[in-house]
Amino acid sequence: MAGKVWFVGAGPGDPDLITVKGRKLLEEAGAILYAGSLVDQAATLFAPTGCAIRDSKDMTLAEMTDWLLEQAARHATVVRLQTGDPGLYGALIEMTRPLTAAGIGWAVVPGVSSALAAAAAAGETLTLPEVTQTVILTRVAGRTPMPAGEELAALAAHRTTLCIFLSITLLHRVQEALRAAGWAEDAPILVVQKASWPGEERIVRGTLADIKQKCQAERIAAQAMIIASPTLGAADWPDLARSKLYDPAFSHRFRKASEPKP
């Protein structure tokens, strides 16, 4: 009987941020295919003795799916360990279609995204009452083009939180897009490289005007999340709108208001 292939989100880098379910699957896996260019090899230390472990960084998509199919014929549990969450820029459907065609079962275990890890590392929030309640996860066009209507300038026009993946080498294009959308030169920008990686995480804070120069000075040119948001720096603001959920003047089904509405 064929085994099952699990697409497990390894999280942003810290092995402790793999979910409990993901770690249990690694501990029982007969074979693990991990993204060595992005996933800390420490994540594979949960594998049992005798587990077949393969780094996919030098493999084509066809080679990866062939390997997964081959291992599924030998082992009950096969894990494809991917950075962050498999559903974000992870070629998930491209890998699952051949499995489905071959009659191999598969499932996904979500992981912590680098967007969330970057905000956590910097002590920032991605949403804030009366500031923004929307988060856009996107990238700028590189060798992979953007669909019509998803150009960064168009998305930035909403003035919400932007978590920009896979774009640190195109930071000048990010700046151009935000300027085209009317963002001010002093708009805060956050860049976090290797968010949560023990001993390797780096945080750069700047503005639209100087973030590129600051990243160049720090030699940050890979594995970095860019966050542009009107919420950045809110911890130091003199006044904040209070969340209605916790406002003593606001009632909900679990708690009655203890103060009159202002």
C-alpha atoms as a PDB file:
ATOM      1  CA  MET A   1       0.000   0.000   0.000  1.00  0.00           C
ATOM      2  CA  ALA A   2       1.354   3.446  -0.947  1.00  0.00           C
ATOM      3  CA  GLY A   3       2.325   5.914   1.728  1.00  0.00           C
ATOM      4  CA  LYS A   4       1.094   9.458   2.220  1.00  0.00           C
ATOM      5  CA  VAL A   5       2.997  12.635   1.413  1.00  0.00           C
ATOM      6  CA  TRP A   6       2.744  15.486   3.908  1.00  0.00           C
ATOM      7  CA  PHE A   7       3.622  19.044   2.913  1.00  0.00           C
ATOM      8  CA  VAL A   8       4.801  20.502   6.190  1.00  0.00           C
ATOM      9  CA  GLY A   9       5.448  24.173   6.808  1.00  0.00           C
ATOM     10  CA  ALA A  10       8.793  24.412   8.593  1.00  0.00           C
ATOM     11  CA  GLY A  11       8.030  27.951   9.692  1.00  0.00           C
ATOM     12  CA  PRO A  12      10.370  30.916   9.258  1.00  0.00           C
ATOM     13  CA  GLY A  13      13.611  29.319  10.468  1.00  0.00           C
ATOM     14  CA  ASP A  14      13.620  28.589  14.180  1.00  0.00           C
ATOM     15  CA  PRO A  15      13.136  24.790  14.480  1.00  0.00           C
ATOM     16  CA  ASP A  16      10.997  25.367  17.575  1.00  0.00           C
ATOM     17  CA  LEU A  17       8.424  27.174  15.417  1.00  0.00           C
ATOM     18  CA  ILE A  18       7.477  24.035  13.526  1.00  0.00           C
ATOM     19  CA  THR A  19       3.993  23.045  14.661  1.00  0.00           C
ATOM     20  CA  VAL A  20       3.599  20.125  17.046  1.00  0.00           C
ATOM     21  CA  LYS A  21       1.850  18.193  14.275  1.00  0.00           C
ATOM     22  CA  GLY A  22       4.666  18.932  11.847  1.00  0.00           C
ATOM     23  CA  ARG A  23       7.306  17.782  14.293  1.00  0.00           C
ATOM     24  CA  LYS A  24       5.422  14.536  14.989  1.00  0.00           C
ATOM     25  CA  LEU A  25       5.343  13.810  11.263  1.00  0.00           C
ATOM     26  CA  LEU A  26       9.086  14.432  10.995  1.00  0.00           C
ATOM     27  CA  GLU A  27       9.663  12.053  13.904  1.00  0.00           C
ATOM     28  CA  GLU A  28       7.808   9.231  12.151  1.00  0.00           C
ATOM     29  CA  ALA A  29       8.853   9.978   8.566  1.00  0.00           C
ATOM     30  CA  GLY A  30      10.520   7.356   6.431  1.00  0.00           C
ATOM     31  CA  ALA A  31      11.685  10.035   3.995  1.00  0.00           C
ATOM     32  CA  ILE A  32      12.073  13.821   4.141  1.00  0.00           C
ATOM     33  CA  LEU A  33      12.624  16.199   1.237  1.00  0.00           C
ATOM     34  CA  TYR A  34      13.601  19.596   2.606  1.00  0.00           C
ATOM     35  CA  ALA A  35      14.284  22.953   0.975  1.00  0.00           C
ATOM     36  CA  GLY A  36      17.922  23.330   1.989  1.00  0.00           C
ATOM     37  CA  SER A  37      18.332  26.806   0.526  1.00  0.00           C
ATOM     38  CA  LEU A  38      15.638  28.143   2.855  1.00  0.00           C
ATOM     39  CA  VAL A  39      14.964  25.662   5.665  1.00  0.00           C
ATOM     40  CA  ASP A  40      17.429  25.408   8.528  1.00  0.00           C
ATOM     41  CA  GLN A  41      18.897  21.892   8.452  1.00  0.00           C
ATOM     42  CA  ALA A  42      18.298  21.738  12.203  1.00  0.00           C
ATOM     43  CA  ALA A  43      14.657  21.052  11.363  1.00  0.00           C
ATOM     44  CA  THR A  44      15.646  17.640  10.012  1.00  0.00           C
ATOM     45  CA  LEU A  45      17.182  16.649  13.354  1.00  0.00           C
ATOM     46  CA  PHE A  46      13.730  15.464  14.419  1.00  0.00           C
ATOM     47  CA  ALA A  47      13.970  12.667  11.823  1.00  0.00           C
ATOM     48  CA  PRO A  48      14.328   9.075  13.069  1.00  0.00           C
ATOM     49  CA  THR A  49      17.436   6.993  12.493  1.00  0.00           C
ATOM     50  CA  GLY A  50      17.456   5.506   9.017  1.00  0.00           C
ATOM     51  CA  CYS A  51      15.179   8.164   7.520  1.00  0.00           C
ATOM     52  CA  ALA A  52      16.007   9.011   3.892  1.00  0.00           C
ATOM     53  CA  ILE A  53      16.772  12.762   3.892  1.00  0.00           C
ATOM     54  CA  ARG A  54      17.232  14.699   0.659  1.00  0.00           C
ATOM     55  CA  ASP A  55      18.004  18.367   0.092  1.00  0.00           C
ATOM     56  CA  SER A  56      15.952  19.743  -2.804  1.00  0.00           C
ATOM     57  CA  LYS A  57      17.941  22.880  -3.534  1.00  0.00           C
ATOM     58  CA  ASP A  58      19.587  21.403  -6.650  1.00  0.00           C
ATOM     59  CA  MET A  59      16.478  19.583  -7.913  1.00  0.00           C
ATOM     60  CA  THR A  60      13.952  20.538 -10.564  1.00  0.00           C
ATOM     61  CA  LEU A  61      10.239  20.331  -9.806  1.00  0.00           C
ATOM     62  CA  ALA A  62       9.958  17.106 -11.819  1.00  0.00           C
ATOM     63  CA  GLU A  63      12.872  15.582  -9.891  1.00  0.00           C
ATOM     64  CA  MET A  64      11.218  16.509  -6.595  1.00  0.00           C
ATOM     65  CA  THR A  65       7.871  14.980  -7.494  1.00  0.00           C
ATOM     66  CA  ASP A  66       9.568  11.845  -8.838  1.00  0.00           C
ATOM     67  CA  TRP A  67      11.477  11.510  -5.556  1.00  0.00           C
ATOM     68  CA  LEU A  68       8.296  11.915  -3.520  1.00  0.00           C
ATOM     69  CA  LEU A  69       6.524   9.307  -5.626  1.00  0.00           C
ATOM     70  CA  GLU A  70       9.438   6.894  -5.261  1.00  0.00           C
ATOM     71  CA  GLN A  71       9.568   7.336  -1.476  1.00  0.00           C
ATOM     72  CA  ALA A  72       5.794   7.035  -1.103  1.00  0.00           C
ATOM     73  CA  ALA A  73       6.116   3.548  -2.603  1.00  0.00           C
ATOM     74  CA  ARG A  74       8.541   2.629   0.190  1.00  0.00           C
ATOM     75  CA  HIS A  75       7.374   4.491   3.292  1.00  0.00           C
ATOM     76  CA  ALA A  76       4.080   5.134   5.061  1.00  0.00           C
ATOM     77  CA  THR A  77       4.970   8.733   5.865  1.00  0.00           C
ATOM     78  CA  VAL A  78       6.869  11.024   3.510  1.00  0.00           C
ATOM     79  CA  VAL A  79       7.436  14.699   4.354  1.00  0.00           C
ATOM     80  CA  ARG A  80       8.103  17.587   2.038  1.00  0.00           C
ATOM     81  CA  LEU A  81       9.466  20.206   4.443  1.00  0.00           C
ATOM     82  CA  GLN A  82       8.984  23.718   3.139  1.00  0.00           C
ATOM     83  CA  THR A  83       9.878  27.139   4.418  1.00  0.00           C
ATOM     84  CA  GLY A  84       7.135  29.181   6.088  1.00  0.00           C
ATOM     85  CA  ASP A  85       3.736  27.940   4.980  1.00  0.00           C
ATOM     86  CA  PRO A  86       3.407  25.586   1.989  1.00  0.00           C
ATOM     87  CA  GLY A  87       0.540  27.633   0.562  1.00  0.00           C
ATOM     88  CA  LEU A  88       2.638  30.774   0.153  1.00  0.00           C
ATOM     89  CA  TYR A  89       5.048  30.793  -2.800  1.00  0.00           C
ATOM     90  CA  GLY A  90       5.646  27.077  -2.287  1.00  0.00           C
ATOM     91  CA  ALA A  91       4.711  25.556  -5.671  1.00  0.00           C
ATOM     92  CA  LEU A  92       2.264  23.428  -3.701  1.00  0.00           C
ATOM     93  CA  ILE A  93      -0.232  22.655  -6.449  1.00  0.00           C
ATOM     94  CA  GLU A  94       2.540  21.990  -8.957  1.00  0.00           C
ATOM     95  CA  MET A  95       3.825  19.233  -6.679  1.00  0.00           C
ATOM     96  CA  THR A  96       0.493  17.776  -5.606  1.00  0.00           C
ATOM     97  CA  ARG A  97      -0.995  17.342  -9.084  1.00  0.00           C
ATOM     98  CA  PRO A  98       1.412  14.506 -10.055  1.00  0.00           C
ATOM     99  CA  LEU A  99       0.750  12.832  -6.690  1.00  0.00           C
ATOM    100  CA  THR A 100      -2.994  12.972  -7.247  1.00  0.00           C
ATOM    101  CA  ALA A 101      -2.566  11.646 -10.782  1.00  0.00           C
ATOM    102  CA  ALA A 102      -0.562   8.708  -9.403  1.00  0.00           C
ATOM    103  CA  GLY A 103      -3.156   7.952  -6.727  1.00  0.00           C
ATOM    104  CA  ILE A 104      -0.884   9.042  -3.844  1.00  0.00           C
ATOM    105  CA  GLY A 105      -2.590  10.637  -0.865  1.00  0.00           C
ATOM    106  CA  TRP A 106      -1.295  13.954   0.414  1.00  0.00           C
ATOM    107  CA  ALA A 107      -2.124  16.611   2.980  1.00  0.00           C
ATOM    108  CA  VAL A 108      -0.828  19.966   4.155  1.00  0.00           C
ATOM    109  CA  VAL A 109       0.329  21.030   7.624  1.00  0.00           C
ATOM    110  CA  PRO A 110       0.426  24.837   7.774  1.00  0.00           C
ATOM    111  CA  GLY A 111       3.442  26.704   9.061  1.00  0.00           C
ATOM    112  CA  VAL A 112       4.283  30.095  10.560  1.00  0.00           C
ATOM    113  CA  SER A 113       4.898  32.578   7.759  1.00  0.00           C
ATOM    114  CA  SER A 114       8.002  34.771   7.683  1.00  0.00           C
ATOM    115  CA  ALA A 115       5.633  37.746   7.465  1.00  0.00           C
ATOM    116  CA  LEU A 116       4.319  36.963  10.943  1.00  0.00           C
ATOM    117  CA  ALA A 117       7.770  36.088  12.260  1.00  0.00           C
ATOM    118  CA  ALA A 118       9.205  39.364  10.970  1.00  0.00           C
ATOM    119  CA  ALA A 119       6.504  41.411  12.700  1.00  0.00           C
ATOM    120  CA  ALA A 120       7.035  39.424  15.898  1.00  0.00           C
ATOM    121  CA  ALA A 121      10.798  39.914  15.788  1.00  0.00           C
ATOM    122  CA  ALA A 122      10.358  43.671  15.579  1.00  0.00           C
ATOM    123  CA  GLY A 123       7.547  43.826  18.133  1.00  0.00           C
ATOM    124  CA  GLU A 124       5.133  45.255  15.570  1.00  0.00           C
ATOM    125  CA  THR A 125       1.464  44.621  14.839  1.00  0.00           C
ATOM    126  CA  LEU A 126       0.146  44.201  11.305  1.00  0.00           C
ATOM    127  CA  THR A 127      -3.333  45.514  12.138  1.00  0.00           C
ATOM    128  CA  LEU A 128      -4.463  48.317  14.402  1.00  0.00           C
ATOM    129  CA  PRO A 129      -7.936  49.723  15.131  1.00  0.00           C
ATOM    130  CA  GLU A 130      -8.784  52.757  12.997  1.00  0.00           C
ATOM    131  CA  VAL A 131      -5.407  52.553  11.243  1.00  0.00           C
ATOM    132  CA  THR A 132      -5.629  49.423   9.095  1.00  0.00           C
ATOM    133  CA  GLN A 133      -7.503  46.139   9.349  1.00  0.00           C
ATOM    134  CA  THR A 134      -6.090  44.657   6.166  1.00  0.00           C
ATOM    135  CA  VAL A 135      -2.863  42.798   5.402  1.00  0.00           C
ATOM    136  CA  ILE A 136      -1.707  42.212   1.837  1.00  0.00           C
ATOM    137  CA  LEU A 137       0.834  39.441   1.197  1.00  0.00           C
ATOM    138  CA  THR A 138       2.536  40.071  -2.126  1.00  0.00           C
ATOM    139  CA  ARG A 139       5.778  40.434  -4.069  1.00  0.00           C
ATOM    140  CA  VAL A 140       7.110  42.561  -6.898  1.00  0.00           C
ATOM    141  CA  ALA A 141       7.514  41.206 -10.395  1.00  0.00           C
ATOM    142  CA  GLY A 142      10.839  39.516 -11.087  1.00  0.00           C
ATOM    143  CA  ARG A 143      11.304  36.503 -13.302  1.00  0.00           C
ATOM    144  CA  THR A 144       7.791  35.566 -12.179  1.00  0.00           C
ATOM    145  CA  PRO A 145       5.425  38.226 -13.557  1.00  0.00           C
ATOM    146  CA  MET A 146       2.539  39.637 -11.567  1.00  0.00           C
ATOM    147  CA  PRO A 147      -1.039  39.128 -12.807  1.00  0.00           C
ATOM    148  CA  ALA A 148      -2.769  42.199 -14.209  1.00  0.00           C
ATOM    149  CA  GLY A 149      -4.114  44.414 -11.446  1.00  0.00           C
ATOM    150  CA  GLU A 150      -1.687  43.096  -8.807  1.00  0.00           C
ATOM    151  CA  GLU A 151       1.110  45.562  -9.439  1.00  0.00           C
ATOM    152  CA  LEU A 152       2.546  46.759  -6.120  1.00  0.00           C
ATOM    153  CA  ALA A 153       1.634  50.392  -6.813  1.00  0.00           C
ATOM    154  CA  ALA A 154      -2.015  49.366  -7.211  1.00  0.00           C
ATOM    155  CA  LEU A 155      -1.996  47.376  -3.985  1.00  0.00           C
ATOM    156  CA  ALA A 156      -0.099  50.092  -2.111  1.00  0.00           C
ATOM    157  CA  ALA A 157      -2.793  52.604  -3.023  1.00  0.00           C
ATOM    158  CA  HIS A 158      -4.994  50.984  -0.365  1.00  0.00           C
ATOM    159  CA  ARG A 159      -2.565  52.252   2.330  1.00  0.00           C
ATOM    160  CA  THR A 160      -2.858  49.008   4.288  1.00  0.00           C
ATOM    161  CA  THR A 161      -0.116  46.744   5.637  1.00  0.00           C
ATOM    162  CA  LEU A 162       2.052  45.269   2.885  1.00  0.00           C
ATOM    163  CA  CYS A 163       4.166  42.183   3.566  1.00  0.00           C
ATOM    164  CA  ILE A 164       6.426  41.932   0.548  1.00  0.00           C
ATOM    165  CA  PHE A 165       8.054  38.565  -0.086  1.00  0.00           C
ATOM    166  CA  LEU A 166      10.945  37.611  -2.366  1.00  0.00           C
ATOM    167  CA  SER A 167      11.753  41.215  -3.248  1.00  0.00           C
ATOM    168  CA  ILE A 168      14.756  42.387  -1.246  1.00  0.00           C
ATOM    169  CA  THR A 169      16.985  42.479  -4.358  1.00  0.00           C
ATOM    170  CA  LEU A 170      14.294  44.629  -6.002  1.00  0.00           C
ATOM    171  CA  LEU A 171      13.946  47.076  -3.139  1.00  0.00           C
ATOM    172  CA  HIS A 172      14.307  49.986  -5.554  1.00  0.00           C
ATOM    173  CA  ARG A 173      11.155  48.786  -7.310  1.00  0.00           C
ATOM    174  CA  VAL A 174       9.356  48.615  -3.981  1.00  0.00           C
ATOM    175  CA  GLN A 175      10.334  52.228  -3.337  1.00  0.00           C
ATOM    176  CA  GLU A 176       9.170  53.273  -6.819  1.00  0.00           C
ATOM    177  CA  ALA A 177       5.818  51.541  -6.347  1.00  0.00           C
ATOM    178  CA  LEU A 178       5.133  53.080  -2.941  1.00  0.00           C
ATOM    179  CA  ARG A 179       6.039  56.528  -4.233  1.00  0.00           C
ATOM    180  CA  ALA A 180       3.742  56.046  -7.216  1.00  0.00           C
ATOM    181  CA  ALA A 181       0.962  55.167  -4.752  1.00  0.00           C
ATOM    182  CA  GLY A 182       1.551  58.393  -2.834  1.00  0.00           C
ATOM    183  CA  TRP A 183       3.379  57.097   0.232  1.00  0.00           C
ATOM    184  CA  ALA A 184       5.415  59.807   1.983  1.00  0.00           C
ATOM    185  CA  GLU A 185       9.205  59.726   1.995  1.00  0.00           C
ATOM    186  CA  ASP A 186       9.155  59.396   5.790  1.00  0.00           C
ATOM    187  CA  ALA A 187       6.775  56.420   5.737  1.00  0.00           C
ATOM    188  CA  PRO A 188       8.282  53.740   8.007  1.00  0.00           C
ATOM    189  CA  ILE A 189       9.617  50.546   6.392  1.00  0.00           C
ATOM    190  CA  LEU A 190      10.755  47.409   8.205  1.00  0.00           C
ATOM    191  CA  VAL A 191      13.111  44.769   6.798  1.00  0.00           C
ATOM    192  CA  VAL A 192      13.835  41.559   8.711  1.00  0.00           C
ATOM    193  CA  GLN A 193      16.377  39.072   7.397  1.00  0.00           C
ATOM    194  CA  LYS A 194      16.095  35.440   8.503  1.00  0.00           C
ATOM    195  CA  ALA A 195      13.331  36.190  10.977  1.00  0.00           C
ATOM    196  CA  SER A 196      13.564  33.815  13.973  1.00  0.00           C
ATOM    197  CA  TRP A 197      16.781  32.090  12.784  1.00  0.00           C
ATOM    198  CA  PRO A 198      18.824  31.629  15.987  1.00  0.00           C
ATOM    199  CA  GLY A 199      21.849  33.930  15.877  1.00  0.00           C
ATOM    200  CA  GLU A 200      21.194  35.078  12.295  1.00  0.00           C
ATOM    201  CA  GLU A 201      18.149  37.336  12.495  1.00  0.00           C
ATOM    202  CA  ARG A 202      18.725  40.974  11.542  1.00  0.00           C
ATOM    203  CA  ILE A 203      16.283  43.856  11.789  1.00  0.00           C
ATOM    204  CA  VAL A 204      16.560  47.079   9.806  1.00  0.00           C
ATOM    205  CA  ARG A 205      14.212  49.995  10.381  1.00  0.00           C
ATOM    206  CA  GLY A 206      14.077  52.911   8.009  1.00  0.00           C
ATOM    207  CA  THR A 207      11.845  55.061   5.874  1.00  0.00           C
ATOM    208  CA  LEU A 208      10.814  54.951   2.265  1.00  0.00           C
ATOM    209  CA  ALA A 209      13.607  57.414   1.566  1.00  0.00           C
ATOM    210  CA  ASP A 210      16.494  55.545   3.192  1.00  0.00           C
ATOM    211  CA  ILE A 211      15.598  51.861   3.590  1.00  0.00           C
ATOM    212  CA  LYS A 212      17.558  50.760   0.521  1.00  0.00           C
ATOM    213  CA  GLN A 213      20.717  52.489   1.698  1.00  0.00           C
ATOM    214  CA  LYS A 214      20.333  51.013   5.181  1.00  0.00           C
ATOM    215  CA  CYS A 215      19.912  47.496   3.798  1.00  0.00           C
ATOM    216  CA  GLN A 216      22.914  47.949   1.529  1.00  0.00           C
ATOM    217  CA  ALA A 217      24.993  49.095   4.514  1.00  0.00           C
ATOM    218  CA  GLU A 218      23.952  45.916   6.362  1.00  0.00           C
ATOM    219  CA  ARG A 219      24.573  43.787   3.224  1.00  0.00           C
ATOM    220  CA  ILE A 220      21.079  42.364   3.326  1.00  0.00           C
ATOM    221  CA  ALA A 221      20.399  40.901  -0.097  1.00  0.00           C
ATOM    222  CA  ALA A 222      18.535  37.635   0.514  1.00  0.00           C
ATOM    223  CA  GLN A 223      15.944  35.901   2.723  1.00  0.00           C
ATOM    224  CA  ALA A 224      14.395  39.122   3.968  1.00  0.00           C
ATOM    225  CA  MET A 225      10.815  40.231   4.539  1.00  0.00           C
ATOM    226  CA  ILE A 226       9.844  43.818   3.701  1.00  0.00           C
ATOM    227  CA  ILE A 227       6.951  45.318   5.648  1.00  0.00           C
ATOM    228  CA  ALA A 228       5.441  48.674   4.778  1.00  0.00           C
ATOM    229  CA  SER A 229       2.593  49.636   7.064  1.00  0.00           C
ATOM    230  CA  PRO A 230       0.909  52.615   8.692  1.00  0.00           C
ATOM    231  CA  THR A 231       1.034  50.600  11.937  1.00  0.00           C
ATOM    232  CA  LEU A 232       4.840  50.534  12.212  1.00  0.00           C
ATOM    233  CA  GLY A 233       6.144  52.267  15.314  1.00  0.00           C
ATOM    234  CA  ALA A 234       2.739  52.319  17.025  1.00  0.00           C
ATOM    235  CA  ALA A 235       4.279  51.247  20.341  1.00  0.00           C
ATOM    236  CA  ASP A 236       5.734  54.755  20.640  1.00  0.00           C
ATOM    237  CA  TRP A 237       2.671  56.733  19.579  1.00  0.00           C
ATOM    238  CA  PRO A 238       1.194  59.015  22.276  1.00  0.00           C
ATOM    239  CA  ASP A 239      -2.394  57.941  21.549  1.00  0.00           C
ATOM    240  CA  LEU A 240      -4.050  54.797  20.191  1.00  0.00           C
ATOM    241  CA  ALA A 241      -7.650  53.966  19.351  1.00  0.00           C
ATOM    242  CA  ARG A 242      -8.751  51.214  21.723  1.00  0.00           C
ATOM    243  CA  SER A 243      -9.854  47.812  20.489  1.00  0.00           C
ATOM    244  CA  LYS A 244     -13.615  47.458  20.892  1.00  0.00           C
ATOM    245  CA  LEU A 245     -13.228  43.835  21.973  1.00  0.00           C
ATOM    246  CA  TYR A 246     -11.472  44.883  25.179  1.00  0.00           C
ATOM    247  CA  ASP A 247     -12.984  48.338  25.650  1.00  0.00           C
ATOM    248  CA  PRO A 248     -14.816  48.445  29.040  1.00  0.00           C
ATOM    249  CA  ALA A 249     -17.577  50.483  27.373  1.00  0.00           C
ATOM    250  CA  PHE A 250     -18.236  47.783  24.773  1.00  0.00           C
ATOM    251  CA  SER A 251     -20.472  44.755  25.357  1.00  0.00           C
ATOM    252  CA  HIS A 252     -20.285  41.403  23.588  1.00  0.00           C
ATOM    253  CA  ARG A 253     -21.700  37.952  24.243  1.00  0.00           C
ATOM    254  CA  PHE A 254     -19.000  37.058  26.789  1.00  0.00           C
ATOM    255  CA  ARG A 255     -18.874  40.313  28.755  1.00  0.00           C
ATOM    256  CA  LYS A 256     -21.156  43.225  29.600  1.00  0.00           C
ATOM    257  CA  ALA A 257     -19.879  46.782  29.429  1.00  0.00           C
ATOM    258  CA  SER A 258     -18.569  48.027  32.774  1.00  0.00           C
ATOM    259  CA  GLU A 259     -18.358  51.683  31.741  1.00  0.00           C
ATOM    260  CA  PRO A 260     -20.743  53.959  29.844  1.00  0.00           C
ATOM    261  CA  LYS A 261     -19.979  54.695  26.223  1.00  0.00           C
ATOM    262  CA  PRO A 262     -18.063  57.962  25.832  1.00  0.00           C
END
